[in-house]
Amino acid sequence: MGACNESISRRSYALKHLGLKAKSWLRTRLPLSKLVGENKILPMILLLGIITLFFFNLLPSLLTRFDYPALERRYKNWMANPGDLNWFINDSDLYAYAGWNYVHGTSPDEINFEHPPLAKYLIGLSIVFFNNQNIIGAALGVFSLLILYELSKKLLGRSLFSLVPVYMLSLERIFIGFSSTSMLDIYLVFFLLLSFFLFSHSDNDIWMFGGAIALGLASACKQSALLAAPSLLIPLIMRKRKTAWIFLIQIVVVAFLAYCLTYAWFFVNGHNFSDFFELQRRIFLFQYGRRYEGSPPPGRLLLTLLTGIAGPETRYIIYVDEVSNTIDIVTKHGLSMVSEFNILTWPLCFSAAVISSYRAAKTRNIAILQSCAYFFSFLVPFTFSQSFAWYLLPVFPMGFLLLTSNFKGIAEKSNRRVFFVAFLAYLIALLAWSRFLVIPSFIEF
């Protein structure tokens, strides 16, 4: 009996020892970082899945047809009677109308001069080639995701973590909405991301001049792109300290020439540089007046980013009794909410940017420092102006990148199994939020 127990004990010990050796071998041969870092097929499959899901979100907007006669009638009636809501024309339709006219020979100063013309030219080309004003914008939305993936690989390494910012942005409702309409902001985001990516290669002069061209083109979509210029030039200044000023002058010249080229038809129509600078002055004064004249409440955009609150709002509800011919007006006070707000990403990316700024300054990590500077270069100026929630759109790519960088840091210091389960649940929750949950537009006090 004793010999039998001793034999069983020896077998249990051998099996336990074999299990420990196998577990040790798996840890040394197949660590998590190696699995996600060296597998090249899986990231490509997941990236394709993200792009496909994003494309299906845009698909309805790609099937519409542009009706110029109807839009022209609305535009002319609205301009003749601006207060008549029956002929109201929104921004996306206005840009489509301007774009169609631009590509058919109208000078950019004659219709919708308030923004530079490049994005509207691209919208017009989308109409000419596809009879749809949204297709080129949707394509640039896809390309923006691909550029963000390349930036993520550069900052986070070749791991599955580099897909997370792309996944977050592809589910962002503002990004989806502006990729599926003829608004200017998706064109701004694409050229800014392209410029950021090219400028990050500060050891290659050709790539940096490409970044200057992309910056000029981004400014030719919306002049607010210039807010990002200092952050884009950080790698150049840090790595070419003594000769940086020479490159800065060259980059400014190249970006300015790229910007001017988008006004080629303006010059062909007989205008000179004096007219050009006068037009730029008018654009600046118009935009500045809309954003900063009066007394804009400070911190409104930051409040929106952190809580989804757009500001206080008073609503008047009119009840008409057709029997007694009486009208009752009910006043409701409350908060105007941004329906696109995502509590799982918006406030977290701000916290991540603050934490990353401190770490980057401490470790002198140029890539992280540049991403943080880019993030705040848009957030700070617009926080002190009259702003809308979609002004956050250029902020989100870098915000999500910094947020993922912080998640990766947590993963490296925590129990991998626990982190994997929690992080997977977080990613699923992101998808569920984007699909099923909507913040109400008004919360009554």
Protein backbone atom coordinates (compact mmCIF):
# COMPACT_ATOMS: atom_id res chain seq x y z
CA MET A 1 0.00 0.00 0.00
CA GLY A 2 2.82 2.39 0.92
CA ALA A 3 4.64 1.56 -2.34
CA CYS A 4 1.48 2.32 -4.31
CA ASN A 5 1.06 5.74 -2.62
CA GLU A 6 4.71 6.51 -3.27
CA SER A 7 4.30 5.64 -6.97
CA ILE A 8 1.23 7.90 -7.30
CA SER A 9 3.09 10.70 -5.53
CA ARG A 10 6.02 10.38 -7.93
CA ARG A 11 3.70 10.49 -10.96
CA SER A 12 1.90 13.59 -9.61
CA TYR A 13 5.24 15.28 -9.01
CA ALA A 14 6.42 14.42 -12.55
CA LEU A 15 3.21 15.72 -14.13
CA LYS A 16 3.35 18.91 -12.05
CA HIS A 17 7.00 19.42 -12.95
CA LEU A 18 6.22 18.82 -16.64
CA GLY A 19 3.35 21.34 -16.48
CA LEU A 20 5.59 23.97 -14.90
CA LYS A 21 8.24 23.41 -17.57
CA ALA A 22 5.63 23.71 -20.34
CA LYS A 23 4.25 26.89 -18.79
CA SER A 24 7.75 28.32 -18.46
CA TRP A 25 8.51 27.41 -22.10
CA LEU A 26 5.32 29.15 -23.29
CA ARG A 27 6.20 32.28 -21.36
CA THR A 28 9.71 32.46 -22.81
CA ARG A 29 8.85 31.38 -26.34
CA LEU A 30 5.40 32.94 -26.75
CA PRO A 31 5.07 36.07 -24.62
CA LEU A 32 2.09 38.31 -25.33
CA SER A 33 4.25 41.09 -26.76
CA LYS A 34 5.83 38.64 -29.21
CA LEU A 35 2.51 37.22 -30.29
CA VAL A 36 1.04 40.62 -31.08
CA GLY A 37 4.29 42.04 -32.38
CA GLU A 38 5.44 39.46 -34.89
CA ASN A 39 2.12 38.28 -36.24
CA LYS A 40 1.69 40.35 -39.42
CA ILE A 41 -1.44 38.69 -40.75
CA LEU A 42 -3.71 39.21 -37.73
CA PRO A 43 -3.27 43.03 -37.59
CA MET A 44 -4.03 43.28 -41.30
CA ILE A 45 -7.19 41.19 -40.90
CA LEU A 46 -8.34 43.31 -37.97
CA LEU A 47 -7.52 46.55 -39.80
CA LEU A 48 -9.54 45.36 -42.79
CA GLY A 49 -12.42 44.57 -40.45
CA ILE A 50 -12.28 48.05 -38.91
CA ILE A 51 -12.22 49.72 -42.33
CA THR A 52 -15.09 47.53 -43.55
CA LEU A 53 -17.24 48.39 -40.53
CA PHE A 54 -16.47 52.09 -41.03
CA PHE A 55 -17.35 51.83 -44.73
CA PHE A 56 -20.75 50.28 -43.99
CA ASN A 57 -21.47 53.16 -41.60
CA LEU A 58 -20.88 55.56 -44.52
CA LEU A 59 -22.64 53.52 -47.20
CA PRO A 60 -26.08 55.25 -47.11
CA SER A 61 -24.47 58.65 -47.80
CA LEU A 62 -22.63 57.23 -50.82
CA LEU A 63 -25.84 56.16 -52.56
CA THR A 64 -27.46 59.59 -52.78
CA ARG A 65 -27.47 61.69 -55.96
CA PHE A 66 -26.62 65.38 -56.23
CA ASP A 67 -29.53 67.54 -57.43
CA TYR A 68 -28.03 70.85 -58.53
CA PRO A 69 -31.22 72.57 -59.85
CA ALA A 70 -33.06 71.99 -56.56
CA LEU A 71 -30.06 73.14 -54.53
CA GLU A 72 -29.58 76.22 -56.68
CA ARG A 73 -33.24 77.16 -56.21
CA ARG A 74 -32.93 76.80 -52.45
CA TYR A 75 -29.69 78.80 -52.36
CA LYS A 76 -31.05 81.72 -54.37
CA ASN A 77 -34.31 81.86 -52.39
CA TRP A 78 -32.43 81.67 -49.11
CA MET A 79 -30.07 84.48 -50.13
CA ALA A 80 -33.09 86.57 -51.19
CA ASN A 81 -35.03 85.77 -47.99
CA PRO A 82 -32.58 84.73 -45.24
CA GLY A 83 -35.30 84.48 -42.63
CA ASP A 84 -37.51 82.11 -44.62
CA LEU A 85 -36.84 78.68 -43.12
CA ASN A 86 -38.62 77.00 -46.02
CA TRP A 87 -35.48 77.67 -48.08
CA PHE A 88 -32.91 77.10 -45.34
CA ILE A 89 -29.60 75.76 -46.63
CA ASN A 90 -27.21 74.08 -44.20
CA ASP A 91 -23.43 74.19 -44.30
CA SER A 92 -22.94 70.86 -46.07
CA ASP A 93 -25.31 71.84 -48.87
CA LEU A 94 -23.71 75.30 -49.11
CA TYR A 95 -20.25 73.76 -49.53
CA ALA A 96 -21.58 71.34 -52.14
CA TYR A 97 -23.20 74.21 -54.05
CA ALA A 98 -19.99 76.26 -53.86
CA GLY A 99 -17.86 73.27 -54.89
CA TRP A 100 -19.99 72.55 -57.94
CA ASN A 101 -19.70 76.19 -59.02
CA TYR A 102 -15.94 76.30 -58.35
CA VAL A 103 -15.19 73.38 -60.65
CA HIS A 104 -17.42 74.99 -63.29
CA GLY A 105 -15.39 78.19 -63.35
CA THR A 106 -16.67 80.39 -60.53
CA SER A 107 -13.95 82.29 -58.66
CA PRO A 108 -13.60 81.33 -54.94
CA ASP A 109 -14.31 84.91 -53.84
CA GLU A 110 -17.77 84.97 -55.42
CA ILE A 111 -19.49 82.19 -53.44
CA ASN A 112 -18.80 81.26 -49.82
CA PHE A 113 -15.51 83.17 -49.55
CA GLU A 114 -15.50 82.61 -45.76
CA HIS A 115 -13.31 79.49 -46.06
CA PRO A 116 -10.39 78.73 -48.41
CA PRO A 117 -11.42 76.74 -51.49
CA LEU A 118 -9.55 73.41 -51.56
CA ALA A 119 -12.08 71.24 -49.70
CA LYS A 120 -14.90 72.72 -51.79
CA TYR A 121 -12.98 72.00 -54.98
CA LEU A 122 -12.68 68.36 -53.86
CA ILE A 123 -16.39 68.26 -53.06
CA GLY A 124 -17.07 69.64 -56.53
CA LEU A 125 -14.86 67.00 -58.13
CA SER A 126 -16.76 64.35 -56.18
CA ILE A 127 -19.98 65.67 -57.74
CA VAL A 128 -18.50 65.78 -61.25
CA PHE A 129 -17.07 62.25 -61.19
CA PHE A 130 -19.60 60.43 -59.00
CA ASN A 131 -22.70 62.66 -58.98
CA ASN A 132 -22.38 62.50 -55.20
CA GLN A 133 -20.81 65.16 -52.99
CA ASN A 134 -19.72 62.75 -50.23
CA ILE A 135 -17.56 60.11 -51.91
CA ILE A 136 -14.18 61.87 -51.88
CA GLY A 137 -14.76 62.91 -48.26
CA ALA A 138 -15.54 59.29 -47.36
CA ALA A 139 -12.38 58.12 -49.12
CA LEU A 140 -10.31 60.66 -47.16
CA GLY A 141 -11.95 59.38 -43.99
CA VAL A 142 -10.66 55.89 -44.81
CA PHE A 143 -7.20 57.27 -45.67
CA SER A 144 -7.19 59.16 -42.36
CA LEU A 145 -7.66 55.86 -40.53
CA LEU A 146 -4.77 54.32 -42.48
CA ILE A 147 -2.45 57.27 -41.71
CA LEU A 148 -3.41 57.06 -38.04
CA TYR A 149 -2.48 53.37 -38.13
CA GLU A 150 0.98 54.24 -39.47
CA LEU A 151 1.40 56.90 -36.79
CA SER A 152 0.29 54.40 -34.15
CA LYS A 153 2.86 51.86 -35.30
CA LYS A 154 5.53 54.55 -35.10
CA LEU A 155 4.55 55.55 -31.57
CA LEU A 156 3.27 52.29 -30.07
CA GLY A 157 5.33 49.75 -31.99
CA ARG A 158 4.17 46.94 -34.24
CA SER A 159 1.62 45.46 -31.88
CA LEU A 160 -2.12 45.07 -31.76
CA PHE A 161 -2.19 48.21 -29.63
CA SER A 162 -1.50 50.20 -32.80
CA LEU A 163 -4.97 49.23 -34.04
CA VAL A 164 -6.78 50.62 -31.00
CA PRO A 165 -6.65 54.36 -31.95
CA VAL A 166 -7.90 53.42 -35.43
CA TYR A 167 -10.73 51.40 -33.90
CA MET A 168 -11.67 54.27 -31.57
CA LEU A 169 -11.69 56.84 -34.36
CA SER A 170 -13.67 54.58 -36.71
CA LEU A 171 -16.43 54.40 -34.07
CA GLU A 172 -16.39 58.12 -33.27
CA ARG A 173 -19.78 59.50 -34.30
CA ILE A 174 -18.51 62.95 -35.26
CA PHE A 175 -15.85 61.36 -37.47
CA ILE A 176 -18.44 59.10 -39.11
CA GLY A 177 -20.85 61.98 -39.57
CA PHE A 178 -18.34 64.32 -41.17
CA SER A 179 -16.94 61.56 -43.39
CA SER A 180 -20.43 61.01 -44.78
CA THR A 181 -21.34 64.64 -45.51
CA SER A 182 -19.87 67.46 -47.57
CA MET A 183 -18.42 69.30 -44.57
CA LEU A 184 -14.90 70.72 -44.67
CA ASP A 185 -13.55 69.22 -41.47
CA ILE A 186 -12.81 65.71 -42.75
CA TYR A 187 -10.57 67.23 -45.44
CA LEU A 188 -8.83 69.26 -42.73
CA VAL A 189 -8.26 66.14 -40.61
CA PHE A 190 -6.85 64.14 -43.52
CA PHE A 191 -4.29 66.74 -44.58
CA LEU A 192 -3.31 67.45 -40.97
CA LEU A 193 -2.70 63.76 -40.25
CA LEU A 194 -0.72 63.47 -43.47
CA SER A 195 1.35 66.51 -42.50
CA PHE A 196 1.90 65.12 -38.98
CA PHE A 197 3.05 61.79 -40.39
CA LEU A 198 5.47 63.38 -42.87
CA PHE A 199 6.89 65.84 -40.35
CA SER A 200 7.53 62.99 -37.91
CA HIS A 201 10.28 61.86 -40.32
CA SER A 202 12.50 64.82 -39.45
CA ASP A 203 15.62 62.92 -40.55
CA ASN A 204 14.40 63.04 -44.18
CA ASP A 205 14.26 66.49 -45.79
CA ILE A 206 12.04 65.35 -48.68
CA TRP A 207 9.42 63.97 -46.30
CA MET A 208 9.49 67.20 -44.31
CA PHE A 209 8.88 69.31 -47.39
CA GLY A 210 6.03 66.95 -48.19
CA GLY A 211 4.71 67.72 -44.71
CA ALA A 212 4.93 71.44 -45.53
CA ILE A 213 2.86 70.91 -48.69
CA ALA A 214 0.28 68.92 -46.70
CA LEU A 215 0.14 71.70 -44.08
CA GLY A 216 -0.46 74.26 -46.82
CA LEU A 217 -3.25 72.12 -48.25
CA ALA A 218 -4.79 71.64 -44.80
CA SER A 219 -4.81 75.43 -44.37
CA ALA A 220 -6.45 75.70 -47.78
CA CYS A 221 -9.35 73.63 -46.37
CA LYS A 222 -9.72 75.61 -43.13
CA GLN A 223 -7.33 78.24 -41.83
CA SER A 224 -7.55 76.75 -38.34
CA ALA A 225 -4.98 74.20 -39.57
CA LEU A 226 -2.33 76.83 -38.83
CA LEU A 227 -2.94 76.26 -35.12
CA ALA A 228 -1.18 72.90 -35.50
CA ALA A 229 1.92 74.33 -37.22
CA PRO A 230 4.09 74.82 -34.07
CA SER A 231 3.43 71.27 -32.88
CA LEU A 232 4.17 69.79 -36.31
CA LEU A 233 7.58 71.47 -36.36
CA ILE A 234 8.74 70.15 -32.95
CA PRO A 235 10.79 67.21 -34.39
CA LEU A 236 12.50 69.57 -36.81
CA ILE A 237 13.41 72.06 -34.09
CA MET A 238 14.61 69.35 -31.68
CA ARG A 239 16.78 67.45 -34.18
CA LYS A 240 18.14 70.30 -36.30
CA ARG A 241 18.83 72.78 -33.55
CA LYS A 242 21.47 74.95 -35.21
CA THR A 243 20.06 74.87 -38.74
CA ALA A 244 16.38 74.68 -37.80
CA TRP A 245 15.67 78.32 -38.69
CA ILE A 246 16.82 77.73 -42.29
CA PHE A 247 14.44 74.79 -42.67
CA LEU A 248 11.66 76.75 -40.98
CA ILE A 249 11.90 79.52 -43.57
CA GLN A 250 11.91 76.99 -46.40
CA ILE A 251 8.93 75.12 -44.93
CA VAL A 252 6.92 78.33 -44.51
CA VAL A 253 7.62 79.26 -48.15
CA VAL A 254 6.64 75.80 -49.43
CA ALA A 255 3.44 75.72 -47.35
CA PHE A 256 2.51 79.24 -48.51
CA LEU A 257 3.04 78.32 -52.16
CA ALA A 258 0.87 75.20 -51.74
CA TYR A 259 -1.82 77.38 -50.20
CA CYS A 260 -1.61 79.94 -53.02
CA LEU A 261 -1.89 77.26 -55.70
CA THR A 262 -5.40 76.43 -54.49
CA TYR A 263 -6.34 79.98 -55.56
CA ALA A 264 -4.97 79.50 -59.09
CA TRP A 265 -8.35 80.16 -60.73
CA PHE A 266 -8.73 83.28 -58.57
CA PHE A 267 -5.55 84.65 -60.19
CA VAL A 268 -6.56 83.45 -63.65
CA ASN A 269 -9.70 85.57 -63.33
CA GLY A 270 -7.56 88.68 -63.21
CA HIS A 271 -6.97 89.12 -59.49
CA ASN A 272 -3.53 90.07 -58.17
CA PHE A 273 -1.72 89.46 -54.88
CA SER A 274 -3.18 92.63 -53.42
CA ASP A 275 -6.66 91.18 -54.00
CA PHE A 276 -5.46 87.84 -52.61
CA PHE A 277 -4.23 89.32 -49.33
CA GLU A 278 -7.38 91.42 -49.03
CA LEU A 279 -9.44 88.23 -49.41
CA GLN A 280 -7.37 86.48 -46.74
CA ARG A 281 -7.92 89.46 -44.43
CA ARG A 282 -11.68 89.20 -44.99
CA ILE A 283 -11.61 85.47 -44.24
CA PHE A 284 -9.66 86.01 -41.02
CA LEU A 285 -11.87 88.86 -39.80
CA PHE A 286 -15.02 86.87 -40.57
CA GLN A 287 -13.82 83.79 -38.69
CA TYR A 288 -12.35 85.78 -35.81
CA GLY A 289 -15.57 87.74 -35.46
CA ARG A 290 -17.64 84.57 -35.28
CA ARG A 291 -15.36 82.99 -32.69
CA TYR A 292 -14.15 85.76 -30.40
CA GLU A 293 -16.24 88.92 -30.71
CA GLY A 294 -18.64 89.54 -27.86
CA SER A 295 -18.11 87.63 -24.64
CA PRO A 296 -17.76 83.92 -25.40
CA PRO A 297 -17.92 81.86 -22.20
CA PRO A 298 -14.44 80.49 -21.43
CA GLY A 299 -13.97 76.75 -21.11
CA ARG A 300 -17.09 75.74 -23.04
CA LEU A 301 -15.33 73.31 -25.42
CA LEU A 302 -13.35 71.75 -22.56
CA LEU A 303 -16.62 71.29 -20.67
CA THR A 304 -18.06 69.56 -23.73
CA LEU A 305 -15.03 67.27 -24.02
CA LEU A 306 -15.20 66.23 -20.38
CA THR A 307 -18.95 65.98 -19.82
CA GLY A 308 -20.80 66.26 -23.13
CA ILE A 309 -22.52 69.46 -21.96
CA ALA A 310 -22.81 72.08 -24.70
CA GLY A 311 -24.13 74.73 -22.29
CA PRO A 312 -27.31 76.00 -20.62
CA GLU A 313 -30.40 76.19 -22.80
CA THR A 314 -33.93 77.51 -22.53
CA ARG A 315 -36.61 75.84 -24.65
CA TYR A 316 -40.05 77.17 -25.40
CA ILE A 317 -42.74 74.61 -26.19
CA ILE A 318 -45.90 75.94 -27.86
CA TYR A 319 -49.18 74.07 -27.40
CA VAL A 320 -52.03 75.01 -29.75
CA ASP A 321 -55.61 74.06 -28.83
CA GLU A 322 -57.57 74.17 -32.10
CA VAL A 323 -60.91 73.74 -30.32
CA SER A 324 -60.64 76.74 -28.02
CA ASN A 325 -58.19 78.63 -30.24
CA THR A 326 -55.78 79.12 -27.36
CA ILE A 327 -52.01 78.97 -27.27
CA ASP A 328 -49.96 77.92 -24.25
CA ILE A 329 -46.21 78.46 -24.06
CA VAL A 330 -44.23 76.29 -21.65
CA THR A 331 -40.73 77.36 -20.73
CA LYS A 332 -38.16 74.69 -19.86
CA HIS A 333 -34.67 75.34 -18.52
CA GLY A 334 -31.92 72.76 -18.75
CA LEU A 335 -28.67 71.71 -20.33
CA SER A 336 -27.99 71.29 -24.02
CA MET A 337 -26.12 68.03 -24.55
CA VAL A 338 -23.90 66.81 -27.39
CA SER A 339 -25.52 63.62 -28.64
CA GLU A 340 -22.20 62.35 -30.06
CA PHE A 341 -20.53 62.45 -26.64
CA ASN A 342 -18.75 59.22 -25.68
CA ILE A 343 -18.00 58.91 -21.99
CA LEU A 344 -15.61 56.02 -22.70
CA THR A 345 -13.19 58.11 -24.79
CA TRP A 346 -13.71 61.88 -24.72
CA PRO A 347 -12.81 62.63 -21.06
CA LEU A 348 -10.19 59.87 -20.98
CA CYS A 349 -8.23 61.26 -23.93
CA PHE A 350 -7.94 64.64 -22.16
CA SER A 351 -6.62 62.94 -19.01
CA ALA A 352 -4.24 60.88 -21.14
CA ALA A 353 -2.93 64.04 -22.85
CA VAL A 354 -2.24 65.70 -19.48
CA ILE A 355 -0.45 62.62 -18.10
CA SER A 356 1.48 62.09 -21.33
CA SER A 357 2.62 65.73 -21.35
CA TYR A 358 4.17 65.30 -17.93
CA ARG A 359 5.85 62.03 -18.88
CA ALA A 360 7.11 63.37 -22.20
CA ALA A 361 8.64 66.41 -20.53
CA LYS A 362 10.28 64.15 -17.94
CA THR A 363 11.65 61.59 -20.40
CA ARG A 364 12.12 63.99 -23.35
CA ASN A 365 10.13 61.74 -25.63
CA ILE A 366 9.79 63.89 -28.78
CA ALA A 367 7.05 61.81 -30.42
CA ILE A 368 4.80 61.93 -27.34
CA LEU A 369 5.58 65.60 -26.78
CA GLN A 370 4.61 66.41 -30.37
CA SER A 371 1.32 64.50 -30.03
CA CYS A 372 0.46 66.34 -26.80
CA ALA A 373 1.33 69.73 -28.30
CA TYR A 374 -0.87 68.96 -31.32
CA PHE A 375 -3.76 67.95 -29.04
CA PHE A 376 -3.66 71.15 -27.01
CA SER A 377 -2.96 73.40 -30.02
CA PHE A 378 -6.60 73.01 -31.04
CA LEU A 379 -8.23 72.50 -27.66
CA VAL A 380 -6.85 75.60 -25.91
CA PRO A 381 -7.70 78.32 -28.51
CA PHE A 382 -11.19 76.98 -29.17
CA THR A 383 -11.88 76.56 -25.47
CA PHE A 384 -11.86 80.37 -25.19
CA SER A 385 -14.08 80.98 -28.23
CA GLN A 386 -17.58 80.40 -29.52
CA SER A 387 -17.20 76.81 -30.61
CA PHE A 388 -19.07 73.71 -31.62
CA ALA A 389 -18.52 70.08 -30.68
CA TRP A 390 -17.14 69.21 -34.13
CA TYR A 391 -14.18 71.54 -33.50
CA LEU A 392 -12.88 68.59 -31.48
CA LEU A 393 -12.57 66.45 -34.60
CA PRO A 394 -8.88 67.32 -35.30
CA VAL A 395 -8.14 66.61 -31.63
CA PHE A 396 -9.48 63.07 -31.52
CA PRO A 397 -6.83 61.17 -33.55
CA MET A 398 -3.98 62.30 -31.29
CA GLY A 399 -6.18 62.05 -28.21
CA PHE A 400 -6.99 58.42 -28.95
CA LEU A 401 -3.34 57.72 -29.73
CA LEU A 402 -2.24 59.14 -26.36
CA LEU A 403 -5.02 57.26 -24.58
CA THR A 404 -3.86 53.98 -26.11
CA SER A 405 -0.26 54.78 -25.17
CA ASN A 406 -1.38 55.05 -21.56
CA PHE A 407 -3.32 51.79 -21.82
CA LYS A 408 -0.19 50.11 -23.14
CA GLY A 409 1.80 51.44 -20.19
CA ILE A 410 -0.79 50.01 -17.80
CA ALA A 411 -0.66 46.64 -19.60
CA GLU A 412 3.10 46.41 -19.15
CA LYS A 413 2.82 46.91 -15.38
CA SER A 414 -0.27 44.84 -14.58
CA ASN A 415 -1.40 41.24 -14.64
CA ARG A 416 -1.71 40.49 -18.34
CA ARG A 417 -4.65 38.13 -18.05
CA VAL A 418 -6.68 40.55 -15.94
CA PHE A 419 -5.79 43.46 -18.20
CA PHE A 420 -6.66 41.51 -21.35
CA VAL A 421 -10.14 40.64 -20.04
CA ALA A 422 -10.81 44.20 -18.82
CA PHE A 423 -9.49 45.81 -22.00
CA LEU A 424 -11.48 43.46 -24.24
CA ALA A 425 -14.61 44.37 -22.27
CA TYR A 426 -13.75 48.06 -22.78
CA LEU A 427 -13.39 47.63 -26.55
CA ILE A 428 -16.72 45.78 -26.73
CA ALA A 429 -18.34 48.55 -24.68
CA LEU A 430 -17.02 51.11 -27.18
CA LEU A 431 -18.75 49.28 -30.01
CA ALA A 432 -21.97 48.95 -28.01
CA TRP A 433 -21.95 52.65 -27.10
CA SER A 434 -21.45 53.74 -30.71
CA ARG A 435 -24.25 51.46 -31.91
CA PHE A 436 -26.97 51.66 -29.27
CA LEU A 437 -26.50 54.50 -26.79
CA VAL A 438 -27.33 58.13 -27.54
CA ILE A 439 -27.10 61.05 -25.14
CA PRO A 440 -30.36 63.05 -25.04
CA SER A 441 -30.01 66.49 -26.64
CA PHE A 442 -31.65 68.24 -23.68
CA ILE A 443 -31.73 67.53 -19.95
CA GLU A 444 -34.32 69.55 -18.05
CA PHE A 445 -33.49 70.94 -14.61
